[in-house]
Amino acid sequence: MYEKASHEKTNLQKTKIYFLNYFEVSKKSITKIWGCKIDELSNKYLGMPLFVRRFKSQYWDVLVQKIQNKLIRWKEKCLSYEVKLVIIKSMLQSMPVYSAMVFKLPITISDKIDKICIRFLWLGDSKKEKITLVS
């Protein structure tokens, strides 16, 4: 059907079939008719889980950890305020964008990311706490 409509030929050696909740006998007969391979459906596509209604906190914690890991190589360098601002805007704030387009970003995670960015900007380290001096 596809070949007739598009006037293109399907390469069956590259084609794979994904089954969900199918009997093994049916799978084998279908692949024998089509001449394709069976493949298992991954849990992720483009880094996002496929079968989730809501992200659990452990996914968001991994995202926060990735952001902190990106800063490890920058914190040792003596960077100006402007350079740190460019790093934050171009790299750190862009990391959660794709995930937030698919799933609602929890406010707590957004606050954690903001704290990491602020600490990096003012202290040069995403984990260090600034001690407030009171006179």
Protein backbone atom coordinates (compact mmCIF):
# COMPACT_ATOMS: atom_id res chain seq x y z
CA MET A 1 0.00 0.00 0.00
CA TYR A 2 2.80 2.43 0.95
CA GLU A 3 4.79 1.52 -2.15
CA LYS A 4 1.82 2.16 -4.45
CA ALA A 5 0.98 5.51 -2.85
CA SER A 6 4.53 6.88 -2.65
CA HIS A 7 6.14 5.08 -5.60
CA GLU A 8 8.97 4.10 -3.24
CA LYS A 9 10.11 0.61 -2.39
CA THR A 10 10.36 -0.49 1.25
CA ASN A 11 13.73 -1.94 2.24
CA LEU A 12 12.64 -5.01 4.23
CA GLN A 13 16.20 -5.68 5.45
CA LYS A 14 16.14 -2.36 7.33
CA THR A 15 12.49 -2.61 8.39
CA LYS A 16 11.62 -3.78 11.89
CA ILE A 17 8.26 -4.62 13.44
CA TYR A 18 7.41 -3.73 17.03
CA PHE A 19 4.73 -5.71 18.84
CA LEU A 20 2.89 -4.87 22.03
CA ASN A 21 0.99 -7.66 23.82
CA TYR A 22 1.03 -10.10 20.91
CA PHE A 23 1.21 -13.90 20.84
CA GLU A 24 4.55 -15.38 19.75
CA VAL A 25 2.92 -17.54 17.08
CA SER A 26 1.28 -14.49 15.50
CA LYS A 27 4.53 -12.53 15.64
CA LYS A 28 6.44 -15.23 13.79
CA SER A 29 3.80 -15.66 11.11
CA ILE A 30 3.55 -11.92 10.48
CA THR A 31 7.32 -11.51 10.22
CA LYS A 32 7.51 -14.54 7.93
CA ILE A 33 4.91 -13.02 5.59
CA TRP A 34 6.52 -9.57 5.56
CA GLY A 35 10.14 -10.76 5.70
CA CYS A 36 11.06 -8.26 8.44
CA LYS A 37 12.86 -8.50 11.75
CA ILE A 38 11.21 -8.32 15.18
CA ASP A 39 12.57 -5.69 17.54
CA GLU A 40 11.80 -4.76 21.13
CA LEU A 41 10.33 -1.35 21.76
CA SER A 42 12.65 0.77 23.88
CA ASN A 43 11.39 2.55 26.97
CA LYS A 44 12.84 5.83 25.71
CA TYR A 45 12.65 7.83 22.52
CA LEU A 46 14.80 10.97 22.13
CA GLY A 47 15.75 10.61 25.78
CA MET A 48 12.16 10.72 27.02
CA PRO A 49 10.23 7.77 28.45
CA LEU A 50 7.45 6.54 26.18
CA PHE A 51 5.01 5.00 28.60
CA VAL A 52 4.74 7.48 31.44
CA ARG A 53 1.89 9.75 32.42
CA ARG A 54 3.91 11.73 34.93
CA PHE A 55 7.63 11.79 35.61
CA LYS A 56 8.77 10.49 38.94
CA SER A 57 11.13 12.64 40.96
CA GLN A 58 14.08 10.37 40.15
CA TYR A 59 14.00 11.46 36.48
CA TRP A 60 14.09 15.10 37.45
CA ASP A 61 16.90 14.40 39.93
CA VAL A 62 18.93 12.93 37.05
CA LEU A 63 18.33 16.11 35.06
CA VAL A 64 19.48 18.29 37.99
CA GLN A 65 22.57 16.07 38.38
CA LYS A 66 23.36 16.46 34.66
CA ILE A 67 23.23 20.22 35.05
CA GLN A 68 25.57 20.08 38.05
CA ASN A 69 27.95 17.78 36.18
CA LYS A 70 28.14 20.28 33.31
CA LEU A 71 29.36 22.92 35.76
CA ILE A 72 32.15 20.82 37.26
CA ARG A 73 34.59 21.69 34.48
CA TRP A 74 33.70 25.39 34.63
CA LYS A 75 33.87 26.00 38.38
CA GLU A 76 37.67 25.70 38.58
CA LYS A 77 38.21 28.39 35.97
CA CYS A 78 38.31 32.05 36.83
CA LEU A 79 35.42 33.28 34.69
CA SER A 80 33.96 36.74 34.44
CA TYR A 81 30.34 37.51 35.31
CA GLU A 82 29.48 37.88 31.60
CA VAL A 83 30.98 34.50 30.66
CA LYS A 84 29.12 32.78 33.49
CA LEU A 85 25.90 34.43 32.31
CA VAL A 86 26.46 33.12 28.77
CA ILE A 87 27.09 29.60 30.11
CA ILE A 88 23.90 29.73 32.17
CA LYS A 89 21.73 31.05 29.35
CA SER A 90 23.11 28.93 26.53
CA MET A 91 23.78 25.65 28.30
CA LEU A 92 22.11 25.28 31.68
CA GLN A 93 18.73 26.79 30.99
CA SER A 94 18.37 24.98 27.68
CA MET A 95 18.83 21.50 29.19
CA PRO A 96 15.38 21.17 30.83
CA VAL A 97 13.49 22.80 27.92
CA TYR A 98 12.82 19.62 25.93
CA SER A 99 11.67 17.69 29.00
CA ALA A 100 9.48 20.59 30.08
CA MET A 101 7.80 20.69 26.66
CA VAL A 102 6.68 17.09 27.09
CA PHE A 103 6.01 16.96 30.84
CA LYS A 104 5.16 19.67 33.32
CA LEU A 105 8.32 20.72 35.13
CA PRO A 106 7.70 20.65 38.90
CA ILE A 107 8.23 23.95 40.69
CA THR A 108 10.65 22.30 43.14
CA ILE A 109 12.89 21.19 40.26
CA SER A 110 12.68 24.61 38.64
CA ASP A 111 13.74 26.14 41.96
CA LYS A 112 16.67 23.70 42.27
CA ILE A 113 17.88 24.59 38.77
CA ASP A 114 17.55 28.31 39.55
CA LYS A 115 19.57 27.88 42.76
CA ILE A 116 22.30 26.03 40.88
CA CYS A 117 22.47 28.81 38.28
CA ILE A 118 22.51 31.58 40.91
CA ARG A 119 25.23 29.88 42.96
CA PHE A 120 27.34 29.36 39.86
CA LEU A 121 26.86 32.96 38.77
CA TRP A 122 27.73 34.58 42.11
CA LEU A 123 29.97 32.00 43.81
CA GLY A 124 31.43 30.05 40.89
CA ASP A 125 30.25 26.74 42.35
CA SER A 126 26.83 25.14 42.03
CA LYS A 127 26.99 23.35 45.40
CA LYS A 128 28.64 25.93 47.66
CA GLU A 129 26.44 27.93 50.03
CA LYS A 130 27.26 31.56 50.65
CA ILE A 131 27.60 32.52 54.29
CA THR A 132 25.77 35.74 55.04
CA LEU A 133 27.68 38.10 57.31
CA VAL A 134 25.64 40.12 59.75
CA SER A 135 27.09 43.18 61.42
